[in-house]
């Protein structure tokens, strides 16, 4: 009886270990797929135009500007505040 329980426990451990390894491989594959879908960062040599916030005066990339009433703002919260 003890031998049967030993073999059942051993088989259960082997099955558990295999399932664990397969799940980890699937997760790794999903992470690789997500990593490949991310946009590539701009090269350090490329220069992007800068804009200045009409409220606080902070400089930031023009591609991130929030534009309203002919002014550039650094955030939607500053759009509601008066320009300096």
PDB file of N, CA and C in Angstrom:
ATOM      1  N   UNK A   1       0.827  -1.195   0.000  1.00  0.00           N
ATOM      2  CA  UNK A   1       0.000   0.000   0.000  1.00  0.00           C
ATOM      3  C   UNK A   1       0.871   1.259   0.000  1.00  0.00           C
ATOM      4  N   UNK A   2       1.968   1.237   0.759  1.00  0.00           N
ATOM      5  CA  UNK A   2       2.855   2.388   0.833  1.00  0.00           C
ATOM      6  C   UNK A   2       3.519   2.641  -0.510  1.00  0.00           C
ATOM      7  N   UNK A   3       3.871   1.583  -1.207  1.00  0.00           N
ATOM      8  CA  UNK A   3       4.493   1.734  -2.521  1.00  0.00           C
ATOM      9  C   UNK A   3       3.541   2.403  -3.510  1.00  0.00           C
ATOM     10  N   UNK A   4       2.299   2.041  -3.463  1.00  0.00           N
ATOM     11  CA  UNK A   4       1.315   2.629  -4.369  1.00  0.00           C
ATOM     12  C   UNK A   4       1.173   4.130  -4.080  1.00  0.00           C
ATOM     13  N   UNK A   5       1.085   4.492  -2.813  1.00  0.00           N
ATOM     14  CA  UNK A   5       0.978   5.899  -2.442  1.00  0.00           C
ATOM     15  C   UNK A   5       2.231   6.665  -2.855  1.00  0.00           C
ATOM     16  N   UNK A   6       3.400   6.049  -2.699  1.00  0.00           N
ATOM     17  CA  UNK A   6       4.649   6.676  -3.113  1.00  0.00           C
ATOM     18  C   UNK A   6       4.637   6.964  -4.613  1.00  0.00           C
ATOM     19  N   UNK A   7       4.266   5.989  -5.429  1.00  0.00           N
ATOM     20  CA  UNK A   7       4.253   6.164  -6.880  1.00  0.00           C
ATOM     21  C   UNK A   7       3.197   7.184  -7.310  1.00  0.00           C
ATOM     22  N   UNK A   8       2.066   7.194  -6.667  1.00  0.00           N
ATOM     23  CA  UNK A   8       1.026   8.173  -6.991  1.00  0.00           C
ATOM     24  C   UNK A   8       1.532   9.578  -6.673  1.00  0.00           C
ATOM     25  N   UNK A   9       2.176   9.739  -5.509  1.00  0.00           N
ATOM     26  CA  UNK A   9       2.721  11.042  -5.132  1.00  0.00           C
ATOM     27  C   UNK A   9       3.822  11.468  -6.091  1.00  0.00           C
ATOM     28  N   UNK A  10       4.684  10.541  -6.477  1.00  0.00           N
ATOM     29  CA  UNK A  10       5.763  10.852  -7.409  1.00  0.00           C
ATOM     30  C   UNK A  10       5.217  11.274  -8.769  1.00  0.00           C
ATOM     31  N   UNK A  11       4.241  10.567  -9.267  1.00  0.00           N
ATOM     32  CA  UNK A  11       3.626  10.913 -10.556  1.00  0.00           C
ATOM     33  C   UNK A  11       2.956  12.285 -10.470  1.00  0.00           C
ATOM     34  N   UNK A  12       2.271  12.553  -9.354  1.00  0.00           N
ATOM     35  CA  UNK A  12       1.609  13.851  -9.178  1.00  0.00           C
ATOM     36  C   UNK A  12       2.643  14.977  -9.171  1.00  0.00           C
ATOM     37  N   UNK A  13       3.774  14.775  -8.507  1.00  0.00           N
ATOM     38  CA  UNK A  13       4.824  15.792  -8.488  1.00  0.00           C
ATOM     39  C   UNK A  13       5.413  16.041  -9.871  1.00  0.00           C
ATOM     40  N   UNK A  14       5.617  14.990 -10.628  1.00  0.00           N
ATOM     41  CA  UNK A  14       6.160  15.128 -11.977  1.00  0.00           C
ATOM     42  C   UNK A  14       5.168  15.891 -12.865  1.00  0.00           C
ATOM     43  N   UNK A  15       3.887  15.537 -12.778  1.00  0.00           N
ATOM     44  CA  UNK A  15       2.869  16.232 -13.568  1.00  0.00           C
ATOM     45  C   UNK A  15       2.812  17.707 -13.172  1.00  0.00           C
ATOM     46  N   UNK A  16       2.854  17.991 -11.873  1.00  0.00           N
ATOM     47  CA  UNK A  16       2.831  19.370 -11.398  1.00  0.00           C
ATOM     48  C   UNK A  16       4.037  20.150 -11.922  1.00  0.00           C
ATOM     49  N   UNK A  17       5.221  19.557 -11.893  1.00  0.00           N
ATOM     50  CA  UNK A  17       6.434  20.229 -12.361  1.00  0.00           C
ATOM     51  C   UNK A  17       6.355  20.520 -13.862  1.00  0.00           C
ATOM     52  N   UNK A  18       5.857  19.578 -14.637  1.00  0.00           N
ATOM     53  CA  UNK A  18       5.743  19.777 -16.082  1.00  0.00           C
ATOM     54  C   UNK A  18       4.754  20.893 -16.388  1.00  0.00           C
ATOM     55  N   UNK A  19       3.599  20.891 -15.709  1.00  0.00           N
ATOM     56  CA  UNK A  19       2.596  21.930 -15.932  1.00  0.00           C
ATOM     57  C   UNK A  19       3.150  23.304 -15.550  1.00  0.00           C
ATOM     58  N   UNK A  20       3.921  23.357 -14.479  1.00  0.00           N
ATOM     59  CA  UNK A  20       4.509  24.618 -14.042  1.00  0.00           C
ATOM     60  C   UNK A  20       5.482  25.159 -15.096  1.00  0.00           C
ATOM     61  N   UNK A  21       6.315  24.286 -15.643  1.00  0.00           N
ATOM     62  CA  UNK A  21       7.273  24.693 -16.676  1.00  0.00           C
ATOM     63  C   UNK A  21       6.553  25.157 -17.937  1.00  0.00           C
ATOM     64  N   UNK A  22       5.482  24.485 -18.331  1.00  0.00           N
ATOM     65  CA  UNK A  22       4.724  24.884 -19.512  1.00  0.00           C
ATOM     66  C   UNK A  22       4.076  26.247 -19.318  1.00  0.00           C
ATOM     67  N   UNK A  23       3.521  26.488 -18.144  1.00  0.00           N
ATOM     68  CA  UNK A  23       2.906  27.795 -17.864  1.00  0.00           C
ATOM     69  C   UNK A  23       3.944  28.905 -17.919  1.00  0.00           C
ATOM     70  N   UNK A  24       5.123  28.650 -17.367  1.00  0.00           N
ATOM     71  CA  UNK A  24       6.190  29.653 -17.388  1.00  0.00           C
ATOM     72  C   UNK A  24       6.623  29.948 -18.827  1.00  0.00           C
ATOM     73  N   UNK A  25       6.684  28.923 -19.661  1.00  0.00           N
ATOM     74  CA  UNK A  25       7.062  29.122 -21.059  1.00  0.00           C
ATOM     75  C   UNK A  25       6.003  29.941 -21.798  1.00  0.00           C
ATOM     76  N   UNK A  26       4.743  29.692 -21.519  1.00  0.00           N
ATOM     77  CA  UNK A  26       3.672  30.458 -22.146  1.00  0.00           C
ATOM     78  C   UNK A  26       3.749  31.914 -21.711  1.00  0.00           C
ATOM     79  N   UNK A  27       3.970  32.161 -20.414  1.00  0.00           N
ATOM     80  CA  UNK A  27       4.089  33.535 -19.917  1.00  0.00           C
ATOM     81  C   UNK A  27       5.268  34.251 -20.568  1.00  0.00           C
ATOM     82  N   UNK A  28       6.400  33.541 -20.701  1.00  0.00           N
ATOM     83  CA  UNK A  28       7.561  34.135 -21.346  1.00  0.00           C
ATOM     84  C   UNK A  28       7.256  34.502 -22.795  1.00  0.00           C
ATOM     85  N   UNK A  29       6.533  33.628 -23.493  1.00  0.00           N
ATOM     86  CA  UNK A  29       6.141  33.897 -24.874  1.00  0.00           C
ATOM     87  C   UNK A  29       5.228  35.103 -24.979  1.00  0.00           C
ATOM     88  N   UNK A  30       4.299  35.237 -24.042  1.00  0.00           N
ATOM     89  CA  UNK A  30       3.401  36.393 -24.051  1.00  0.00           C
ATOM     90  C   UNK A  30       4.168  37.676 -23.771  1.00  0.00           C
ATOM     91  N   UNK A  31       5.125  37.618 -22.847  1.00  0.00           N
ATOM     92  CA  UNK A  31       5.919  38.806 -22.533  1.00  0.00           C
ATOM     93  C   UNK A  31       6.761  39.219 -23.739  1.00  0.00           C
ATOM     94  N   UNK A  32       7.311  38.248 -24.465  1.00  0.00           N
ATOM     95  CA  UNK A  32       8.098  38.550 -25.658  1.00  0.00           C
ATOM     96  C   UNK A  32       7.216  39.200 -26.712  1.00  0.00           C
ATOM     97  N   UNK A  33       5.990  38.699 -26.863  1.00  0.00           N
ATOM     98  CA  UNK A  33       5.070  39.274 -27.845  1.00  0.00           C
ATOM     99  C   UNK A  33       4.726  40.714 -27.475  1.00  0.00           C
ATOM    100  N   UNK A  34       4.512  40.988 -26.193  1.00  0.00           N
ATOM    101  CA  UNK A  34       4.216  42.351 -25.756  1.00  0.00           C
ATOM    102  C   UNK A  34       5.425  43.253 -25.967  1.00  0.00           C
ATOM    103  N   UNK A  35       6.609  42.731 -25.700  1.00  0.00           N
ATOM    104  CA  UNK A  35       7.820  43.517 -25.856  1.00  0.00           C
ATOM    105  C   UNK A  35       8.033  43.891 -27.327  1.00  0.00           C
ATOM    106  N   UNK A  36       7.661  42.994 -28.236  1.00  0.00           N
ATOM    107  CA  UNK A  36       7.831  43.269 -29.659  1.00  0.00           C
ATOM    108  C   UNK A  36       6.797  44.261 -30.160  1.00  0.00           C
ATOM    109  N   UNK A  37       5.650  44.364 -29.509  1.00  0.00           N
ATOM    110  CA  UNK A  37       4.596  45.270 -29.940  1.00  0.00           C
ATOM    111  C   UNK A  37       4.844  46.700 -29.482  1.00  0.00           C
ATOM    112  N   UNK A  38       5.681  46.909 -28.494  1.00  0.00           N
ATOM    113  CA  UNK A  38       5.967  48.251 -27.993  1.00  0.00           C
ATOM    114  C   UNK A  38       6.660  49.073 -29.068  1.00  0.00           C
ATOM    115  N   UNK A  39       6.350  50.371 -29.137  1.00  0.00           N
ATOM    116  CA  UNK A  39       7.044  51.207 -30.109  1.00  0.00           C
ATOM    117  C   UNK A  39       8.514  51.365 -29.720  1.00  0.00           C
ATOM    118  N   UNK A  40       9.350  51.423 -30.712  1.00  0.00           N
ATOM    119  CA  UNK A  40      10.776  51.559 -30.432  1.00  0.00           C
ATOM    120  C   UNK A  40      11.059  52.984 -29.977  1.00  0.00           C
ATOM    121  N   UNK A  41      11.914  53.160 -28.999  1.00  0.00           N
ATOM    122  CA  UNK A  41      12.222  54.512 -28.526  1.00  0.00           C
ATOM    123  C   UNK A  41      12.984  55.289 -29.594  1.00  0.00           C
ATOM    124  N   UNK A  42      12.856  56.600 -29.542  1.00  0.00           N
ATOM    125  CA  UNK A  42      13.577  57.425 -30.504  1.00  0.00           C
ATOM    126  C   UNK A  42      15.069  57.324 -30.223  1.00  0.00           C
ATOM    127  N   UNK A  43      15.839  57.454 -31.260  1.00  0.00           N
ATOM    128  CA  UNK A  43      17.295  57.385 -31.106  1.00  0.00           C
ATOM    129  C   UNK A  43      17.783  58.629 -30.384  1.00  0.00           C
ATOM    130  N   UNK A  44      18.855  58.492 -29.664  1.00  0.00           N
ATOM    131  CA  UNK A  44      19.394  59.590 -28.881  1.00  0.00           C
ATOM    132  C   UNK A  44      19.846  60.743 -29.778  1.00  0.00           C
ATOM    133  N   UNK A  45      20.192  60.461 -31.020  1.00  0.00           N
ATOM    134  CA  UNK A  45      20.663  61.497 -31.922  1.00  0.00           C
ATOM    135  C   UNK A  45      19.551  62.336 -32.524  1.00  0.00           C
ATOM    136  N   UNK A  46      18.292  61.864 -32.445  1.00  0.00           N
ATOM    137  CA  UNK A  46      17.183  62.613 -33.013  1.00  0.00           C
ATOM    138  C   UNK A  46      16.776  63.747 -32.078  1.00  0.00           C
ATOM    139  N   UNK A  47      16.482  64.889 -32.671  1.00  0.00           N
ATOM    140  CA  UNK A  47      16.099  66.056 -31.886  1.00  0.00           C
ATOM    141  C   UNK A  47      14.617  66.312 -32.098  1.00  0.00           C
ATOM    142  N   UNK A  48      13.891  66.511 -31.012  1.00  0.00           N
ATOM    143  CA  UNK A  48      12.472  66.794 -31.088  1.00  0.00           C
ATOM    144  C   UNK A  48      12.237  68.247 -30.676  1.00  0.00           C
ATOM    145  N   UNK A  49      11.294  68.887 -31.327  1.00  0.00           N
ATOM    146  CA  UNK A  49      10.979  70.275 -31.005  1.00  0.00           C
ATOM    147  C   UNK A  49      10.399  70.346 -29.592  1.00  0.00           C
ATOM    148  N   UNK A  50      10.719  71.432 -28.897  1.00  0.00           N
ATOM    149  CA  UNK A  50      10.232  71.635 -27.539  1.00  0.00           C
ATOM    150  C   UNK A  50       9.193  72.747 -27.541  1.00  0.00           C
ATOM    151  N   UNK A  51       8.278  72.663 -26.597  1.00  0.00           N
ATOM    152  CA  UNK A  51       7.255  73.696 -26.418  1.00  0.00           C
ATOM    153  C   UNK A  51       7.305  74.161 -24.970  1.00  0.00           C
ATOM    154  N   UNK A  52       6.793  75.364 -24.730  1.00  0.00           N
ATOM    155  CA  UNK A  52       6.788  75.906 -23.379  1.00  0.00           C
ATOM    156  C   UNK A  52       5.346  76.053 -22.926  1.00  0.00           C
ATOM    157  N   UNK A  53       5.060  75.593 -21.705  1.00  0.00           N
ATOM    158  CA  UNK A  53       3.718  75.683 -21.146  1.00  0.00           C
ATOM    159  C   UNK A  53       3.360  77.152 -20.933  1.00  0.00           C
ATOM    160  N   UNK A  54       2.165  77.549 -21.388  1.00  0.00           N
ATOM    161  CA  UNK A  54       1.731  78.941 -21.261  1.00  0.00           C
ATOM    162  C   UNK A  54       1.428  79.306 -19.812  1.00  0.00           C
ATOM    163  N   UNK A  55       1.200  78.309 -18.951  1.00  0.00           N
ATOM    164  CA  UNK A  55       0.885  78.609 -17.555  1.00  0.00           C
ATOM    165  C   UNK A  55       2.122  78.578 -16.654  1.00  0.00           C
ATOM    166  N   UNK A  56       2.856  77.459 -16.658  1.00  0.00           N
ATOM    167  CA  UNK A  56       3.965  77.306 -15.711  1.00  0.00           C
ATOM    168  C   UNK A  56       5.336  77.595 -16.324  1.00  0.00           C
ATOM    169  N   UNK A  57       5.431  77.663 -17.647  1.00  0.00           N
ATOM    170  CA  UNK A  57       6.694  77.971 -18.288  1.00  0.00           C
ATOM    171  C   UNK A  57       7.621  76.786 -18.472  1.00  0.00           C
ATOM    172  N   UNK A  58       7.188  75.592 -18.116  1.00  0.00           N
ATOM    173  CA  UNK A  58       8.025  74.402 -18.239  1.00  0.00           C
ATOM    174  C   UNK A  58       8.150  74.000 -19.712  1.00  0.00           C
ATOM    175  N   UNK A  59       9.356  73.565 -20.119  1.00  0.00           N
ATOM    176  CA  UNK A  59       9.577  73.080 -21.468  1.00  0.00           C
ATOM    177  C   UNK A  59       9.337  71.571 -21.503  1.00  0.00           C
ATOM    178  N   UNK A  60       8.749  71.098 -22.603  1.00  0.00           N
ATOM    179  CA  UNK A  60       8.427  69.684 -22.764  1.00  0.00           C
ATOM    180  C   UNK A  60       8.377  69.394 -24.258  1.00  0.00           C
ATOM    181  N   UNK A  61       8.420  68.106 -24.668  1.00  0.00           N
ATOM    182  CA  UNK A  61       8.366  67.780 -26.098  1.00  0.00           C
ATOM    183  C   UNK A  61       7.056  68.277 -26.724  1.00  0.00           C
ATOM    184  N   UNK A  62       7.165  68.868 -27.889  1.00  0.00           N
ATOM    185  CA  UNK A  62       5.987  69.430 -28.559  1.00  0.00           C
ATOM    186  C   UNK A  62       4.966  68.355 -28.904  1.00  0.00           C
ATOM    187  N   UNK A  63       5.403  67.118 -29.077  1.00  0.00           N
ATOM    188  CA  UNK A  63       4.459  66.039 -29.399  1.00  0.00           C
ATOM    189  C   UNK A  63       3.538  65.723 -28.221  1.00  0.00           C
ATOM    190  N   UNK A  64       3.907  66.126 -27.016  1.00  0.00           N
ATOM    191  CA  UNK A  64       3.096  65.873 -25.821  1.00  0.00           C
ATOM    192  C   UNK A  64       2.247  67.080 -25.425  1.00  0.00           C
ATOM    193  N   UNK A  65       2.273  68.138 -26.229  1.00  0.00           N
ATOM    194  CA  UNK A  65       1.588  69.383 -25.883  1.00  0.00           C
ATOM    195  C   UNK A  65       0.075  69.217 -25.935  1.00  0.00           C
ATOM    196  N   UNK A  66      -0.602  69.915 -25.022  1.00  0.00           N
ATOM    197  CA  UNK A  66      -2.054  70.035 -25.045  1.00  0.00           C
ATOM    198  C   UNK A  66      -2.314  71.446 -25.561  1.00  0.00           C
ATOM    199  N   UNK A  67      -2.935  71.541 -26.730  1.00  0.00           N
ATOM    200  CA  UNK A  67      -3.122  72.845 -27.360  1.00  0.00           C
ATOM    201  C   UNK A  67      -4.551  73.334 -27.154  1.00  0.00           C
ATOM    202  N   UNK A  68      -4.672  74.595 -26.740  1.00  0.00           N
ATOM    203  CA  UNK A  68      -5.980  75.208 -26.565  1.00  0.00           C
ATOM    204  C   UNK A  68      -5.834  76.719 -26.694  1.00  0.00           C
ATOM    205  N   UNK A  69      -6.758  77.338 -27.398  1.00  0.00           N
ATOM    206  CA  UNK A  69      -6.796  78.791 -27.565  1.00  0.00           C
ATOM    207  C   UNK A  69      -5.478  79.360 -28.082  1.00  0.00           C
ATOM    208  N   UNK A  70      -4.797  78.620 -28.929  1.00  0.00           N
ATOM    209  CA  UNK A  70      -3.553  79.101 -29.515  1.00  0.00           C
ATOM    210  C   UNK A  70      -2.341  79.009 -28.607  1.00  0.00           C
ATOM    211  N   UNK A  71      -2.478  78.387 -27.461  1.00  0.00           N
ATOM    212  CA  UNK A  71      -1.358  78.224 -26.520  1.00  0.00           C
ATOM    213  C   UNK A  71      -1.043  76.741 -26.348  1.00  0.00           C
ATOM    214  N   UNK A  72       0.200  76.448 -25.940  1.00  0.00           N
ATOM    215  CA  UNK A  72       0.618  75.079 -25.618  1.00  0.00           C
ATOM    216  C   UNK A  72       0.663  74.932 -24.106  1.00  0.00           C
ATOM    217  N   UNK A  73       0.135  73.816 -23.615  1.00  0.00           N
ATOM    218  CA  UNK A  73       0.125  73.541 -22.179  1.00  0.00           C
ATOM    219  C   UNK A  73       0.748  72.169 -21.944  1.00  0.00           C
ATOM    220  N   UNK A  74       1.320  71.985 -20.750  1.00  0.00           N
ATOM    221  CA  UNK A  74       1.981  70.723 -20.421  1.00  0.00           C
ATOM    222  C   UNK A  74       1.000  69.668 -19.930  1.00  0.00           C
ATOM    223  N   UNK A  75      -0.190  70.079 -19.493  1.00  0.00           N
ATOM    224  CA  UNK A  75      -1.175  69.113 -19.001  1.00  0.00           C
ATOM    225  C   UNK A  75      -2.577  69.674 -19.173  1.00  0.00           C
ATOM    226  N   UNK A  76      -3.579  68.799 -19.188  1.00  0.00           N
ATOM    227  CA  UNK A  76      -4.954  69.282 -19.310  1.00  0.00           C
ATOM    228  C   UNK A  76      -5.368  70.165 -18.128  1.00  0.00           C
ATOM    229  N   UNK A  77      -4.775  69.966 -16.974  1.00  0.00           N
ATOM    230  CA  UNK A  77      -5.088  70.775 -15.807  1.00  0.00           C
ATOM    231  C   UNK A  77      -4.681  72.232 -15.993  1.00  0.00           C
ATOM    232  N   UNK A  78      -3.591  72.464 -16.705  1.00  0.00           N
ATOM    233  CA  UNK A  78      -3.120  73.837 -16.921  1.00  0.00           C
ATOM    234  C   UNK A  78      -3.944  74.562 -17.982  1.00  0.00           C
ATOM    235  N   UNK A  79      -4.686  73.836 -18.802  1.00  0.00           N
ATOM    236  CA  UNK A  79      -5.537  74.474 -19.798  1.00  0.00           C
ATOM    237  C   UNK A  79      -6.604  75.307 -19.099  1.00  0.00           C
ATOM    238  N   UNK A  80      -7.104  74.821 -17.972  1.00  0.00           N
ATOM    239  CA  UNK A  80      -8.168  75.515 -17.232  1.00  0.00           C
ATOM    240  C   UNK A  80      -7.650  76.739 -16.481  1.00  0.00           C
ATOM    241  N   UNK A  81      -6.338  76.802 -16.262  1.00  0.00           N
ATOM    242  CA  UNK A  81      -5.752  77.924 -15.517  1.00  0.00           C
ATOM    243  C   UNK A  81      -5.328  79.029 -16.490  1.00  0.00           C
ATOM    244  N   UNK A  82      -5.297  80.277 -16.053  1.00  0.00           N
ATOM    245  CA  UNK A  82      -4.939  81.363 -16.972  1.00  0.00           C
ATOM    246  C   UNK A  82      -3.453  81.333 -17.315  1.00  0.00           C
ATOM    247  N   UNK A  83      -3.112  81.761 -18.558  1.00  0.00           N
ATOM    248  CA  UNK A  83      -1.686  81.846 -18.924  1.00  0.00           C
ATOM    249  C   UNK A  83      -1.005  82.969 -18.162  1.00  0.00           C
ATOM    250  N   UNK A  84       0.287  82.880 -18.010  1.00  0.00           N
ATOM    251  CA  UNK A  84       1.056  83.917 -17.299  1.00  0.00           C
ATOM    252  C   UNK A  84       1.214  85.135 -18.153  1.00  0.00           C
TER     253      UNK A  84
END
